[in-house]
């Protein structure tokens, strides 16, 4: 269980705006779930009180807490989640560097169609502090592109292209993995996103090694 707290693959240590939206959703749902749980436990304790007075009519409890309360909570969560999801995806919202991610059993090939750079295996290089649109697809089975500290998951589907926007706030290396069972070797379907500072990115564009 403690292995899930490892920072390099933790969604709770976001390093970009898309991942921050995911972390925000997690914390809000945790806080909300905790409050609702405590509220329900308080109602349960109240129900077991032998001498409790004036608990209200059954109609009030059924309609108020059995219908209105859950519908209100779920509707608020739905609309807020949809708005947050738009922030998370972000593709097409303003200019961004375009890269392509092609999955296969069990590796990733990254291409830079607009930059004239050679493809790279299992290492995606991006500019730090700038949005990047990743066109994700697969050559064989369904995989899932996931860099926990930069963005949420998005499936790589044969014959189809999904687009995910990610951004690294600071230079560094961020660990990614194919988070979808795609055969016995899927545990080794790992890759690295290398975010470069402006000077290093400009050097990379000229063909210099990052």
Protein backbone atom coordinates (compact mmCIF):
# COMPACT_ATOMS: atom_id res chain seq x y z
CA UNK A 1 0.00 0.00 0.00
CA UNK A 2 2.85 2.38 0.78
CA UNK A 3 4.16 1.91 -2.76
CA UNK A 4 1.12 3.85 -3.96
CA UNK A 5 2.45 6.92 -2.14
CA UNK A 6 5.58 7.07 -4.31
CA UNK A 7 5.79 10.66 -5.53
CA UNK A 8 7.00 9.97 -9.07
CA UNK A 9 3.72 8.20 -9.92
CA UNK A 10 1.46 10.07 -7.51
CA UNK A 11 -1.54 12.03 -8.76
CA UNK A 12 -1.41 13.91 -5.44
CA UNK A 13 1.90 15.55 -6.38
CA UNK A 14 0.80 17.41 -9.56
CA UNK A 15 3.42 19.15 -11.67
CA UNK A 16 1.09 20.69 -14.27
CA UNK A 17 -2.38 22.24 -14.60
CA UNK A 18 -4.13 19.11 -15.92
CA UNK A 19 -2.76 16.99 -13.08
CA UNK A 20 -3.68 19.75 -10.62
CA UNK A 21 -7.30 19.46 -11.79
CA UNK A 22 -7.21 15.70 -11.13
CA UNK A 23 -5.73 16.25 -7.66
CA UNK A 24 -8.35 18.91 -6.92
CA UNK A 25 -11.12 16.48 -7.85
CA UNK A 26 -9.60 13.81 -5.59
CA UNK A 27 -9.31 16.11 -2.57
CA UNK A 28 -12.81 17.55 -2.99
CA UNK A 29 -14.35 14.08 -3.30
CA UNK A 30 -12.39 12.89 -0.25
CA UNK A 31 -13.51 15.87 1.83
CA UNK A 32 -17.10 15.63 0.59
CA UNK A 33 -17.26 11.88 1.11
CA UNK A 34 -15.91 12.27 4.65
CA UNK A 35 -18.48 14.94 5.52
CA UNK A 36 -21.35 12.89 4.12
CA UNK A 37 -20.13 9.81 5.97
CA UNK A 38 -20.00 11.72 9.27
CA UNK A 39 -23.45 13.16 8.59
CA UNK A 40 -24.92 9.71 7.94
CA UNK A 41 -23.23 8.29 11.06
CA UNK A 42 -24.72 11.15 13.10
CA UNK A 43 -28.17 10.33 11.72
CA UNK A 44 -27.63 6.66 12.52
CA UNK A 45 -26.64 7.53 16.08
CA UNK A 46 -29.73 9.72 16.35
CA UNK A 47 -31.92 6.86 15.16
CA UNK A 48 -30.61 4.61 17.94
CA UNK A 49 -31.43 7.10 20.65
CA UNK A 50 -34.29 5.62 22.64
CA UNK A 51 -35.53 8.86 24.09
CA UNK A 52 -34.84 11.22 21.22
CA UNK A 53 -37.62 13.70 20.70
CA UNK A 54 -39.26 15.03 17.54
CA UNK A 55 -37.39 13.36 14.77
CA UNK A 56 -39.73 14.64 12.05
CA UNK A 57 -42.15 12.70 9.89
CA UNK A 58 -41.22 9.72 7.75
CA UNK A 59 -42.14 11.75 4.67
CA UNK A 60 -39.62 14.44 5.64
CA UNK A 61 -36.85 11.87 6.03
CA UNK A 62 -37.65 9.97 2.85
CA UNK A 63 -38.16 12.99 0.58
CA UNK A 64 -35.59 15.29 2.16
CA UNK A 65 -32.71 12.91 2.84
CA UNK A 66 -33.63 10.03 0.56
CA UNK A 67 -34.35 12.08 -2.57
CA UNK A 68 -33.54 15.79 -2.45
CA UNK A 69 -30.21 15.49 -0.63
CA UNK A 70 -28.58 12.83 -2.89
CA UNK A 71 -29.97 14.39 -6.10
CA UNK A 72 -28.58 17.80 -5.11
CA UNK A 73 -25.17 16.41 -4.17
CA UNK A 74 -24.87 14.25 -7.29
CA UNK A 75 -26.06 17.02 -9.63
CA UNK A 76 -23.55 19.48 -8.15
CA UNK A 77 -20.78 16.89 -8.46
CA UNK A 78 -21.77 16.10 -12.07
CA UNK A 79 -21.72 19.71 -13.31
CA UNK A 80 -18.55 20.56 -11.41
CA UNK A 81 -16.88 17.38 -12.67
CA UNK A 82 -17.82 18.16 -16.28
CA UNK A 83 -16.34 21.66 -15.99
CA UNK A 84 -13.21 20.25 -14.39
CA UNK A 85 -12.98 17.61 -17.12
CA UNK A 86 -12.90 20.32 -19.78
CA UNK A 87 -10.00 21.93 -17.93
CA UNK A 88 -8.31 18.55 -17.72
CA UNK A 89 -8.54 17.71 -21.41
CA UNK A 90 -7.83 21.20 -22.71
CA UNK A 91 -6.96 20.01 -26.22
CA UNK A 92 -7.57 22.62 -28.89
CA UNK A 93 -7.76 25.49 -26.39
CA UNK A 94 -5.05 27.78 -27.69
CA UNK A 95 -1.72 27.04 -29.40
CA UNK A 96 0.32 24.08 -28.26
CA UNK A 97 3.24 21.95 -29.36
CA UNK A 98 1.92 18.87 -31.18
CA UNK A 99 3.45 15.45 -30.55
CA UNK A 100 2.30 11.94 -31.39
CA UNK A 101 2.37 8.94 -29.08
CA UNK A 102 2.04 5.49 -30.65
CA UNK A 103 1.72 2.51 -28.34
CA UNK A 104 2.51 -1.11 -29.04
CA UNK A 105 3.24 -4.21 -27.02
CA UNK A 106 5.06 -3.02 -24.97
CA UNK A 107 6.71 0.26 -25.85
CA UNK A 108 5.95 3.79 -27.00
CA UNK A 109 7.14 5.69 -30.06
CA UNK A 110 6.98 9.50 -29.91
CA UNK A 111 7.01 11.68 -33.03
CA UNK A 112 7.16 15.43 -33.64
CA UNK A 113 5.24 15.97 -36.91
CA UNK A 114 5.59 19.75 -37.00
CA UNK A 115 9.15 20.02 -35.73
CA UNK A 116 11.06 17.83 -38.17
CA UNK A 117 12.70 15.82 -35.40
CA UNK A 118 13.41 12.07 -35.51
CA UNK A 119 11.10 9.77 -33.54
CA UNK A 120 12.10 8.63 -30.07
CA UNK A 121 11.48 5.40 -28.23
CA UNK A 122 10.04 5.54 -24.71
CA UNK A 123 11.19 9.14 -24.11
CA UNK A 124 8.93 12.10 -24.88
CA UNK A 125 10.69 15.48 -24.81
CA UNK A 126 8.56 18.59 -24.29
CA UNK A 127 9.11 22.27 -23.45
CA UNK A 128 8.57 23.10 -19.77
CA UNK A 129 5.93 25.70 -19.01
CA UNK A 130 4.18 25.32 -22.37
CA UNK A 131 1.08 23.31 -23.33
CA UNK A 132 1.57 20.17 -25.39
CA UNK A 133 -1.14 18.28 -27.29
CA UNK A 134 -0.42 14.56 -27.45
CA UNK A 135 -2.12 12.60 -30.24
CA UNK A 136 -2.43 9.09 -28.83
CA UNK A 137 -3.00 5.91 -30.81
CA UNK A 138 -1.99 2.25 -30.88
CA UNK A 139 -0.74 -0.23 -33.46
CA UNK A 140 -2.14 -3.39 -31.89
CA UNK A 141 -4.34 -3.48 -28.77
CA UNK A 142 -5.78 -0.87 -26.40
CA UNK A 143 -3.17 0.76 -24.18
CA UNK A 144 -3.53 3.75 -21.87
CA UNK A 145 -1.26 6.80 -21.83
CA UNK A 146 -0.72 8.06 -18.27
CA UNK A 147 1.76 10.48 -16.75
CA UNK A 148 0.29 10.84 -13.22
CA UNK A 149 2.06 14.08 -12.31
CA UNK A 150 1.17 15.82 -15.59
CA UNK A 151 -2.31 14.64 -16.64
CA UNK A 152 -4.94 11.94 -16.32
CA UNK A 153 -5.21 8.74 -18.34
CA UNK A 154 -6.31 8.52 -21.95
CA UNK A 155 -6.71 5.34 -23.99
CA UNK A 156 -4.57 4.51 -27.01
CA UNK A 157 -6.97 2.76 -29.41
CA UNK A 158 -6.00 1.08 -32.70
CA UNK A 159 -7.25 3.05 -35.70
CA UNK A 160 -8.34 6.00 -33.56
CA UNK A 161 -6.60 9.15 -32.28
CA UNK A 162 -7.31 10.64 -28.85
CA UNK A 163 -5.80 14.00 -27.93
CA UNK A 164 -4.61 14.88 -24.43
CA UNK A 165 -3.19 18.23 -23.38
CA UNK A 166 -0.46 18.18 -20.78
CA UNK A 167 1.99 20.70 -19.41
CA UNK A 168 4.96 20.50 -17.07
CA UNK A 169 5.29 23.52 -14.83
CA UNK A 170 9.02 23.02 -14.32
CA UNK A 171 11.88 21.24 -16.09
CA UNK A 172 12.50 17.66 -15.04
CA UNK A 173 11.71 14.03 -15.76
CA UNK A 174 8.22 12.67 -15.22
CA UNK A 175 7.41 8.98 -15.24
CA UNK A 176 4.66 7.55 -17.41
CA UNK A 177 3.19 4.12 -17.97
CA UNK A 178 0.75 2.20 -20.07
CA UNK A 179 -2.06 1.93 -17.51
CA UNK A 180 -4.10 -0.72 -19.30
CA UNK A 181 -3.77 -4.49 -19.33
CA UNK A 182 -2.43 -5.23 -22.81
CA UNK A 183 -0.82 -8.61 -22.34
CA UNK A 184 1.70 -10.20 -20.00
CA UNK A 185 4.36 -7.56 -20.65
CA UNK A 186 2.23 -4.51 -19.83
CA UNK A 187 3.94 -3.98 -16.46
CA UNK A 188 7.08 -3.04 -18.37
CA UNK A 189 5.30 -0.55 -20.65
CA UNK A 190 6.96 2.49 -19.08
CA UNK A 191 8.17 5.72 -20.59
CA UNK A 192 9.62 9.07 -19.53
CA UNK A 193 8.49 12.61 -20.25
CA UNK A 194 11.47 14.95 -20.23
CA UNK A 195 10.54 18.62 -19.82
CA UNK A 196 13.26 21.05 -20.88
CA UNK A 197 13.95 24.64 -19.91
CA UNK A 198 13.66 27.17 -22.80
CA UNK A 199 17.38 27.18 -23.64
CA UNK A 200 17.58 23.39 -23.58
CA UNK A 201 14.40 23.11 -25.67
CA UNK A 202 15.81 25.43 -28.32
CA UNK A 203 18.97 23.34 -28.40
CA UNK A 204 16.86 20.18 -28.72
CA UNK A 205 15.05 21.67 -31.72
CA UNK A 206 18.39 22.08 -33.48
CA UNK A 207 19.16 18.41 -33.02
CA UNK A 208 21.36 18.67 -29.94
CA UNK A 209 20.82 15.87 -27.39
CA UNK A 210 18.66 16.95 -24.43
